[in-house]
PDB file of N, CA and C in Angstrom:
ATOM      1  N   UNK A   1      89.187  96.003 121.242  1.00  0.00           N
ATOM      2  CA  UNK A   1      90.412  96.724 121.478  1.00  0.00           C
ATOM      3  C   UNK A   1      91.281  96.859 120.226  1.00  0.00           C
ATOM      4  N   UNK A   2      91.331  95.874 119.344  1.00  0.00           N
ATOM      5  CA  UNK A   2      92.170  96.058 118.155  1.00  0.00           C
ATOM      6  C   UNK A   2      91.741  97.257 117.319  1.00  0.00           C
ATOM      7  N   UNK A   3      90.434  97.491 117.199  1.00  0.00           N
ATOM      8  CA  UNK A   3      89.957  98.643 116.441  1.00  0.00           C
ATOM      9  C   UNK A   3      90.375  99.952 117.080  1.00  0.00           C
ATOM     10  N   UNK A   4      90.275 100.026 118.400  1.00  0.00           N
ATOM     11  CA  UNK A   4      90.676 101.233 119.120  1.00  0.00           C
ATOM     12  C   UNK A   4      92.180 101.455 119.006  1.00  0.00           C
ATOM     13  N   UNK A   5      92.953 100.385 119.104  1.00  0.00           N
ATOM     14  CA  UNK A   5      94.406 100.502 118.966  1.00  0.00           C
ATOM     15  C   UNK A   5      94.771 100.967 117.565  1.00  0.00           C
ATOM     16  N   UNK A   6      94.087 100.447 116.556  1.00  0.00           N
ATOM     17  CA  UNK A   6      94.358 100.865 115.180  1.00  0.00           C
ATOM     18  C   UNK A   6      93.957 102.309 114.936  1.00  0.00           C
ATOM     19  N   UNK A   7      92.822 102.714 115.487  1.00  0.00           N
ATOM     20  CA  UNK A   7      92.354 104.090 115.307  1.00  0.00           C
ATOM     21  C   UNK A   7      93.275 105.091 115.992  1.00  0.00           C
ATOM     22  N   UNK A   8      93.917 104.677 117.072  1.00  0.00           N
ATOM     23  CA  UNK A   8      94.820 105.591 117.775  1.00  0.00           C
ATOM     24  C   UNK A   8      96.228 105.576 117.197  1.00  0.00           C
ATOM     25  N   UNK A   9      96.460 104.734 116.197  1.00  0.00           N
ATOM     26  CA  UNK A   9      97.767 104.718 115.544  1.00  0.00           C
ATOM     27  C   UNK A   9      98.803 103.856 116.250  1.00  0.00           C
ATOM     28  N   UNK A  10      98.363 102.970 117.134  1.00  0.00           N
ATOM     29  CA  UNK A  10      99.300 102.111 117.851  1.00  0.00           C
ATOM     30  C   UNK A  10      99.898 101.090 116.879  1.00  0.00           C
ATOM     31  N   UNK A  11     101.185 100.902 116.967  1.00  0.00           N
ATOM     32  CA  UNK A  11     101.843  99.923 116.111  1.00  0.00           C
ATOM     33  C   UNK A  11     101.424  98.517 116.515  1.00  0.00           C
ATOM     34  N   UNK A  12     101.345  97.633 115.510  1.00  0.00           N
ATOM     35  CA  UNK A  12     100.849  96.283 115.772  1.00  0.00           C
ATOM     36  C   UNK A  12     101.729  95.530 116.764  1.00  0.00           C
ATOM     37  N   UNK A  13     103.030  95.679 116.634  1.00  0.00           N
ATOM     38  CA  UNK A  13     103.938  94.946 117.524  1.00  0.00           C
ATOM     39  C   UNK A  13     103.703  95.333 118.980  1.00  0.00           C
ATOM     40  N   UNK A  14     103.548  96.641 119.226  1.00  0.00           N
ATOM     41  CA  UNK A  14     103.321  97.104 120.596  1.00  0.00           C
ATOM     42  C   UNK A  14     101.966  96.597 121.096  1.00  0.00           C
ATOM     43  N   UNK A  15     100.936  96.658 120.237  1.00  0.00           N
ATOM     44  CA  UNK A  15      99.619  96.155 120.621  1.00  0.00           C
ATOM     45  C   UNK A  15      99.674  94.671 120.938  1.00  0.00           C
ATOM     46  N   UNK A  16     100.350  93.906 120.078  1.00  0.00           N
ATOM     47  CA  UNK A  16     100.434  92.469 120.280  1.00  0.00           C
ATOM     48  C   UNK A  16     101.106  92.138 121.607  1.00  0.00           C
ATOM     49  N   UNK A  17     102.219  92.822 121.911  1.00  0.00           N
ATOM     50  CA  UNK A  17     102.926  92.562 123.173  1.00  0.00           C
ATOM     51  C   UNK A  17     102.056  92.932 124.375  1.00  0.00           C
ATOM     52  N   UNK A  18     101.381  94.076 124.315  1.00  0.00           N
ATOM     53  CA  UNK A  18     100.525  94.497 125.425  1.00  0.00           C
ATOM     54  C   UNK A  18      99.340  93.553 125.583  1.00  0.00           C
ATOM     55  N   UNK A  19      98.734  93.174 124.475  1.00  0.00           N
ATOM     56  CA  UNK A  19      97.578  92.287 124.511  1.00  0.00           C
ATOM     57  C   UNK A  19      97.963  90.900 125.031  1.00  0.00           C
ATOM     58  N   UNK A  20      99.054  90.375 124.534  1.00  0.00           N
ATOM     59  CA  UNK A  20      99.490  89.036 124.955  1.00  0.00           C
ATOM     60  C   UNK A  20      99.908  89.029 126.426  1.00  0.00           C
ATOM     61  N   UNK A  21     100.659  90.037 126.847  1.00  0.00           N
ATOM     62  CA  UNK A  21     101.090  90.056 128.253  1.00  0.00           C
ATOM     63  C   UNK A  21      99.902  90.265 129.186  1.00  0.00           C
ATOM     64  N   UNK A  22      98.955  91.104 128.788  1.00  0.00           N
ATOM     65  CA  UNK A  22      97.757  91.297 129.609  1.00  0.00           C
ATOM     66  C   UNK A  22      96.943  90.027 129.732  1.00  0.00           C
ATOM     67  N   UNK A  23      96.788  89.307 128.625  1.00  0.00           N
ATOM     68  CA  UNK A  23      96.050  88.045 128.658  1.00  0.00           C
ATOM     69  C   UNK A  23      96.762  87.012 129.520  1.00  0.00           C
ATOM     70  N   UNK A  24      98.065  86.973 129.425  1.00  0.00           N
ATOM     71  CA  UNK A  24      98.842  86.020 130.216  1.00  0.00           C
ATOM     72  C   UNK A  24      98.716  86.317 131.713  1.00  0.00           C
ATOM     73  N   UNK A  25      98.888  87.575 132.080  1.00  0.00           N
ATOM     74  CA  UNK A  25      98.785  87.952 133.495  1.00  0.00           C
ATOM     75  C   UNK A  25      97.374  87.681 134.015  1.00  0.00           C
ATOM     76  N   UNK A  26      96.364  88.077 133.244  1.00  0.00           N
ATOM     77  CA  UNK A  26      94.982  87.869 133.673  1.00  0.00           C
ATOM     78  C   UNK A  26      94.684  86.380 133.822  1.00  0.00           C
ATOM     79  N   UNK A  27      95.045  85.593 132.831  1.00  0.00           N
ATOM     80  CA  UNK A  27      94.761  84.165 132.862  1.00  0.00           C
ATOM     81  C   UNK A  27      95.447  83.452 134.011  1.00  0.00           C
ATOM     82  N   UNK A  28      96.733  83.724 134.192  1.00  0.00           N
ATOM     83  CA  UNK A  28      97.482  83.063 135.269  1.00  0.00           C
ATOM     84  C   UNK A  28      96.976  83.502 136.636  1.00  0.00           C
ATOM     85  N   UNK A  29      96.749  84.817 136.809  1.00  0.00           N
ATOM     86  CA  UNK A  29      96.347  85.296 138.135  1.00  0.00           C
ATOM     87  C   UNK A  29      94.972  84.760 138.526  1.00  0.00           C
ATOM     88  N   UNK A  30      94.021  84.753 137.617  1.00  0.00           N
ATOM     89  CA  UNK A  30      92.698  84.255 137.983  1.00  0.00           C
ATOM     90  C   UNK A  30      92.667  82.738 138.119  1.00  0.00           C
ATOM     91  N   UNK A  31      93.500  82.034 137.388  1.00  0.00           N
ATOM     92  CA  UNK A  31      93.583  80.586 137.559  1.00  0.00           C
ATOM     93  C   UNK A  31      94.171  80.252 138.930  1.00  0.00           C
ATOM     94  N   UNK A  32      95.252  80.934 139.296  1.00  0.00           N
ATOM     95  CA  UNK A  32      95.853  80.709 140.615  1.00  0.00           C
ATOM     96  C   UNK A  32      94.921  81.152 141.731  1.00  0.00           C
ATOM     97  N   UNK A  33      94.244  82.252 141.513  1.00  0.00           N
ATOM     98  CA  UNK A  33      93.296  82.732 142.510  1.00  0.00           C
ATOM     99  C   UNK A  33      92.196  81.694 142.739  1.00  0.00           C
ATOM    100  N   UNK A  34      91.674  81.127 141.679  1.00  0.00           N
ATOM    101  CA  UNK A  34      90.649  80.090 141.811  1.00  0.00           C
ATOM    102  C   UNK A  34      91.183  78.833 142.469  1.00  0.00           C
ATOM    103  N   UNK A  35      92.409  78.477 142.141  1.00  0.00           N
ATOM    104  CA  UNK A  35      93.008  77.265 142.712  1.00  0.00           C
ATOM    105  C   UNK A  35      93.212  77.411 144.216  1.00  0.00           C
ATOM    106  N   UNK A  36      93.793  78.538 144.637  1.00  0.00           N
ATOM    107  CA  UNK A  36      94.111  78.709 146.053  1.00  0.00           C
ATOM    108  C   UNK A  36      92.897  79.106 146.887  1.00  0.00           C
ATOM    109  N   UNK A  37      91.937  79.777 146.305  1.00  0.00           N
ATOM    110  CA  UNK A  37      90.785  80.231 147.076  1.00  0.00           C
ATOM    111  C   UNK A  37      89.751  79.124 147.242  1.00  0.00           C
ATOM    112  N   UNK A  38      89.581  78.334 146.195  1.00  0.00           N
ATOM    113  CA  UNK A  38      88.677  77.190 146.278  1.00  0.00           C
ATOM    114  C   UNK A  38      87.293  77.493 146.790  1.00  0.00           C
ATOM    115  N   UNK A  39      87.066  77.230 148.055  1.00  0.00           N
ATOM    116  CA  UNK A  39      85.721  77.313 148.621  1.00  0.00           C
ATOM    117  C   UNK A  39      85.275  78.747 148.927  1.00  0.00           C
ATOM    118  N   UNK A  40      86.165  79.659 148.935  1.00  0.00           N
ATOM    119  CA  UNK A  40      85.804  81.044 149.278  1.00  0.00           C
ATOM    120  C   UNK A  40      85.520  81.857 148.018  1.00  0.00           C
ATOM    121  N   UNK A  41      84.772  81.288 147.092  1.00  0.00           N
ATOM    122  CA  UNK A  41      84.550  81.915 145.786  1.00  0.00           C
ATOM    123  C   UNK A  41      83.864  83.277 145.903  1.00  0.00           C
ATOM    124  N   UNK A  42      82.864  83.397 146.733  1.00  0.00           N
ATOM    125  CA  UNK A  42      82.135  84.670 146.857  1.00  0.00           C
ATOM    126  C   UNK A  42      83.063  85.776 147.360  1.00  0.00           C
ATOM    127  N   UNK A  43      83.881  85.438 148.341  1.00  0.00           N
ATOM    128  CA  UNK A  43      84.815  86.426 148.896  1.00  0.00           C
ATOM    129  C   UNK A  43      85.867  86.808 147.853  1.00  0.00           C
ATOM    130  N   UNK A  44      86.385  85.838 147.143  1.00  0.00           N
ATOM    131  CA  UNK A  44      87.390  86.095 146.112  1.00  0.00           C
ATOM    132  C   UNK A  44      86.787  86.937 144.991  1.00  0.00           C
ATOM    133  N   UNK A  45      85.568  86.633 144.612  1.00  0.00           N
ATOM    134  CA  UNK A  45      84.900  87.386 143.550  1.00  0.00           C
ATOM    135  C   UNK A  45      84.753  88.855 143.947  1.00  0.00           C
ATOM    136  N   UNK A  46      84.401  89.092 145.195  1.00  0.00           N
ATOM    137  CA  UNK A  46      84.240  90.463 145.685  1.00  0.00           C
ATOM    138  C   UNK A  46      85.569  91.211 145.622  1.00  0.00           C
ATOM    139  N   UNK A  47      86.623  90.589 146.142  1.00  0.00           N
ATOM    140  CA  UNK A  47      87.929  91.262 146.157  1.00  0.00           C
ATOM    141  C   UNK A  47      88.519  91.405 144.757  1.00  0.00           C
ATOM    142  N   UNK A  48      88.277  90.430 143.908  1.00  0.00           N
ATOM    143  CA  UNK A  48      88.769  90.530 142.534  1.00  0.00           C
ATOM    144  C   UNK A  48      88.069  91.663 141.801  1.00  0.00           C
ATOM    145  N   UNK A  49      86.796  91.832 142.053  1.00  0.00           N
ATOM    146  CA  UNK A  49      86.043  92.919 141.431  1.00  0.00           C
ATOM    147  C   UNK A  49      86.570  94.271 141.894  1.00  0.00           C
ATOM    148  N   UNK A  50      86.792  94.409 143.201  1.00  0.00           N
ATOM    149  CA  UNK A  50      87.340  95.661 143.727  1.00  0.00           C
ATOM    150  C   UNK A  50      88.755  95.901 143.206  1.00  0.00           C
ATOM    151  N   UNK A  51      89.532  94.856 143.126  1.00  0.00           N
ATOM    152  CA  UNK A  51      90.898  94.992 142.620  1.00  0.00           C
ATOM    153  C   UNK A  51      90.925  95.416 141.162  1.00  0.00           C
ATOM    154  N   UNK A  52      90.058  94.819 140.352  1.00  0.00           N
ATOM    155  CA  UNK A  52      89.992  95.176 138.932  1.00  0.00           C
ATOM    156  C   UNK A  52      89.524  96.613 138.758  1.00  0.00           C
ATOM    157  N   UNK A  53      88.541  97.017 139.549  1.00  0.00           N
ATOM    158  CA  UNK A  53      88.046  98.395 139.473  1.00  0.00           C
ATOM    159  C   UNK A  53      89.137  99.378 139.892  1.00  0.00           C
ATOM    160  N   UNK A  54      89.851  99.062 140.940  1.00  0.00           N
ATOM    161  CA  UNK A  54      90.941  99.928 141.392  1.00  0.00           C
ATOM    162  C   UNK A  54      92.028 100.032 140.334  1.00  0.00           C
ATOM    163  N   UNK A  55      92.387  98.915 139.747  1.00  0.00           N
ATOM    164  CA  UNK A  55      93.399  98.919 138.700  1.00  0.00           C
ATOM    165  C   UNK A  55      92.947  99.755 137.509  1.00  0.00           C
ATOM    166  N   UNK A  56      91.693  99.639 137.132  1.00  0.00           N
ATOM    167  CA  UNK A  56      91.164 100.422 136.020  1.00  0.00           C
ATOM    168  C   UNK A  56      91.225 101.914 136.324  1.00  0.00           C
ATOM    169  N   UNK A  57      90.854 102.303 137.534  1.00  0.00           N
ATOM    170  CA  UNK A  57      90.902 103.715 137.922  1.00  0.00           C
ATOM    171  C   UNK A  57      92.335 104.231 137.902  1.00  0.00           C
ATOM    172  N   UNK A  58      93.280 103.439 138.379  1.00  0.00           N
ATOM    173  CA  UNK A  58      94.690 103.847 138.372  1.00  0.00           C
ATOM    174  C   UNK A  58      95.194 104.011 136.948  1.00  0.00           C
ATOM    175  N   UNK A  59      94.855 103.085 136.078  1.00  0.00           N
ATOM    176  CA  UNK A  59      95.299 103.171 134.679  1.00  0.00           C
ATOM    177  C   UNK A  59      94.715 104.409 134.010  1.00  0.00           C
ATOM    178  N   UNK A  60      93.439 104.668 134.225  1.00  0.00           N
ATOM    179  CA  UNK A  60      92.813 105.849 133.632  1.00  0.00           C
ATOM    180  C   UNK A  60      93.464 107.122 134.165  1.00  0.00           C
ATOM    181  N   UNK A  61      93.749 107.168 135.460  1.00  0.00           N
ATOM    182  CA  UNK A  61      94.389 108.347 136.043  1.00  0.00           C
ATOM    183  C   UNK A  61      95.776 108.583 135.442  1.00  0.00           C
ATOM    184  N   UNK A  62      96.531 107.519 135.245  1.00  0.00           N
ATOM    185  CA  UNK A  62      97.862 107.650 134.651  1.00  0.00           C
ATOM    186  C   UNK A  62      97.760 108.144 133.211  1.00  0.00           C
ATOM    187  N   UNK A  63      96.843 107.587 132.441  1.00  0.00           N
ATOM    188  CA  UNK A  63      96.681 107.998 131.034  1.00  0.00           C
ATOM    189  C   UNK A  63      96.259 109.464 130.952  1.00  0.00           C
ATOM    190  N   UNK A  64      95.309 109.874 131.777  1.00  0.00           N
ATOM    191  CA  UNK A  64      94.848 111.262 131.759  1.00  0.00           C
ATOM    192  C   UNK A  64      95.978 112.202 132.181  1.00  0.00           C
ATOM    193  N   UNK A  65      96.717 111.831 133.219  1.00  0.00           N
ATOM    194  CA  UNK A  65      97.842 112.653 133.669  1.00  0.00           C
ATOM    195  C   UNK A  65      98.894 112.796 132.583  1.00  0.00           C
ATOM    196  N   UNK A  66      99.246 111.698 131.946  1.00  0.00           N
ATOM    197  CA  UNK A  66     100.238 111.761 130.871  1.00  0.00           C
ATOM    198  C   UNK A  66      99.742 112.600 129.702  1.00  0.00           C
ATOM    199  N   UNK A  67      98.462 112.494 129.392  1.00  0.00           N
ATOM    200  CA  UNK A  67      97.893 113.283 128.293  1.00  0.00           C
ATOM    201  C   UNK A  67      98.011 114.783 128.585  1.00  0.00           C
ATOM    202  N   UNK A  68      97.610 115.195 129.796  1.00  0.00           N
ATOM    203  CA  UNK A  68      97.673 116.614 130.122  1.00  0.00           C
ATOM    204  C   UNK A  68      99.106 117.109 130.257  1.00  0.00           C
ATOM    205  N   UNK A  69     100.000 116.275 130.738  1.00  0.00           N
ATOM    206  CA  UNK A  69     101.418 116.676 130.799  1.00  0.00           C
ATOM    207  C   UNK A  69     101.978 116.875 129.401  1.00  0.00           C
ATOM    208  N   UNK A  70     101.603 115.991 128.454  1.00  0.00           N
ATOM    209  CA  UNK A  70     102.068 116.127 127.078  1.00  0.00           C
ATOM    210  C   UNK A  70     101.524 117.411 126.453  1.00  0.00           C
ATOM    211  N   UNK A  71     100.244 117.673 126.678  1.00  0.00           N
ATOM    212  CA  UNK A  71      99.652 118.902 126.123  1.00  0.00           C
ATOM    213  C   UNK A  71     100.304 120.143 126.709  1.00  0.00           C
ATOM    214  N   UNK A  72     100.599 120.125 128.005  1.00  0.00           N
ATOM    215  CA  UNK A  72     101.252 121.273 128.631  1.00  0.00           C
ATOM    216  C   UNK A  72     102.665 121.459 128.070  1.00  0.00           C
ATOM    217  N   UNK A  73     103.374 120.362 127.873  1.00  0.00           N
ATOM    218  CA  UNK A  73     104.727 120.442 127.310  1.00  0.00           C
ATOM    219  C   UNK A  73     104.686 120.966 125.879  1.00  0.00           C
ATOM    220  N   UNK A  74     103.714 120.498 125.085  1.00  0.00           N
ATOM    221  CA  UNK A  74     103.588 120.980 123.710  1.00  0.00           C
ATOM    222  C   UNK A  74     103.256 122.465 123.683  1.00  0.00           C
ATOM    223  N   UNK A  75     102.370 122.916 124.575  1.00  0.00           N
ATOM    224  CA  UNK A  75     102.021 124.334 124.636  1.00  0.00           C
ATOM    225  C   UNK A  75     103.226 125.162 125.056  1.00  0.00           C
ATOM    226  N   UNK A  76     103.996 124.660 126.014  1.00  0.00           N
ATOM    227  CA  UNK A  76     105.205 125.358 126.472  1.00  0.00           C
ATOM    228  C   UNK A  76     106.237 125.434 125.353  1.00  0.00           C
ATOM    229  N   UNK A  77     106.416 124.331 124.624  1.00  0.00           N
ATOM    230  CA  UNK A  77     107.358 124.326 123.504  1.00  0.00           C
ATOM    231  C   UNK A  77     106.917 125.283 122.411  1.00  0.00           C
ATOM    232  N   UNK A  78     105.615 125.330 122.151  1.00  0.00           N
ATOM    233  CA  UNK A  78     105.105 126.245 121.133  1.00  0.00           C
ATOM    234  C   UNK A  78     105.300 127.691 121.560  1.00  0.00           C
ATOM    235  N   UNK A  79     105.087 127.971 122.842  1.00  0.00           N
ATOM    236  CA  UNK A  79     105.286 129.324 123.356  1.00  0.00           C
ATOM    237  C   UNK A  79     106.748 129.736 123.227  1.00  0.00           C
ATOM    238  N   UNK A  80     107.659 128.845 123.552  1.00  0.00           N
ATOM    239  CA  UNK A  80     109.095 129.139 123.417  1.00  0.00           C
ATOM    240  C   UNK A  80     109.432 129.380 121.953  1.00  0.00           C
ATOM    241  N   UNK A  81     108.871 128.571 121.075  1.00  0.00           N
ATOM    242  CA  UNK A  81     109.130 128.739 119.642  1.00  0.00           C
ATOM    243  C   UNK A  81     108.598 130.077 119.148  1.00  0.00           C
ATOM    244  N   UNK A  82     107.374 130.430 119.579  1.00  0.00           N
ATOM    245  CA  UNK A  82     106.802 131.710 119.168  1.00  0.00           C
ATOM    246  C   UNK A  82     107.633 132.880 119.688  1.00  0.00           C
ATOM    247  N   UNK A  83     108.084 132.789 120.926  1.00  0.00           N
ATOM    248  CA  UNK A  83     108.908 133.856 121.489  1.00  0.00           C
ATOM    249  C   UNK A  83     110.238 133.976 120.759  1.00  0.00           C
ATOM    250  N   UNK A  84     110.809 132.849 120.366  1.00  0.00           N
ATOM    251  CA  UNK A  84     112.093 132.905 119.663  1.00  0.00           C
ATOM    252  C   UNK A  84     111.928 133.461 118.255  1.00  0.00           C
ATOM    253  N   UNK A  85     110.819 133.158 117.586  1.00  0.00           N
ATOM    254  CA  UNK A  85     110.629 133.683 116.226  1.00  0.00           C
ATOM    255  C   UNK A  85     110.246 135.148 116.248  1.00  0.00           C
ATOM    256  N   UNK A  86     109.469 135.580 117.240  1.00  0.00           N
ATOM    257  CA  UNK A  86     109.092 136.998 117.289  1.00  0.00           C
ATOM    258  C   UNK A  86     110.265 137.855 117.741  1.00  0.00           C
ATOM    259  N   UNK A  87     111.123 137.354 118.594  1.00  0.00           N
ATOM    260  CA  UNK A  87     112.283 138.145 119.014  1.00  0.00           C
ATOM    261  C   UNK A  87     113.290 138.267 117.877  1.00  0.00           C
ATOM    262  N   UNK A  88     113.379 137.271 116.989  1.00  0.00           N
ATOM    263  CA  UNK A  88     114.268 137.353 115.838  1.00  0.00           C
ATOM    264  C   UNK A  88     113.739 138.354 114.828  1.00  0.00           C
ATOM    265  N   UNK A  89     112.419 138.458 114.672  1.00  0.00           N
ATOM    266  CA  UNK A  89     111.822 139.362 113.712  1.00  0.00           C
ATOM    267  C   UNK A  89     111.927 140.815 114.148  1.00  0.00           C
ATOM    268  N   UNK A  90     111.927 141.070 115.456  1.00  0.00           N
ATOM    269  CA  UNK A  90     111.968 142.438 115.941  1.00  0.00           C
ATOM    270  C   UNK A  90     113.389 142.990 116.024  1.00  0.00           C
ATOM    271  N   UNK A  91     114.378 142.155 115.872  1.00  0.00           N
ATOM    272  CA  UNK A  91     115.768 142.633 115.936  1.00  0.00           C
ATOM    273  C   UNK A  91     116.078 143.459 114.702  1.00  0.00           C
ATOM    274  N   UNK A  92     116.852 144.540 114.882  1.00  0.00           N
ATOM    275  CA  UNK A  92     117.200 145.375 113.715  1.00  0.00           C
ATOM    276  C   UNK A  92     118.096 144.606 112.760  1.00  0.00           C
ATOM    277  N   UNK A  93     117.850 144.785 111.486  1.00  0.00           N
ATOM    278  CA  UNK A  93     118.632 144.121 110.458  1.00  0.00           C
ATOM    279  C   UNK A  93     119.676 145.066 109.903  1.00  0.00           C
ATOM    280  N   UNK A  94     120.859 144.579 109.759  1.00  0.00           N
ATOM    281  CA  UNK A  94     121.917 145.396 109.165  1.00  0.00           C
ATOM    282  C   UNK A  94     121.973 145.124 107.677  1.00  0.00           C
ATOM    283  N   UNK A  95     122.137 146.193 106.901  1.00  0.00           N
ATOM    284  CA  UNK A  95     122.206 146.008 105.460  1.00  0.00           C
ATOM    285  C   UNK A  95     123.459 146.556 104.897  1.00  0.00           C
TER     286      UNK A  95
END
């Protein structure tokens, strides 16, 4: 993940906070899950797997949605900019 974060231009501070908080949440949740579930390991493993897969799908959906919304906003902004520059060029100039 550090290589991917660096390649995408993510700042180190933001990466460090996300990485540390993710590790903390993962470590605490699975430790507590193991402590409270105890003998039902197979059942917990099944639900944890489904939960992790669901979380991954939700995260991917959010990232893809945000990406396409950003691209649509950039295209809309570019269109507005193009319309404003072409309308200024077509206006008659007084000399």
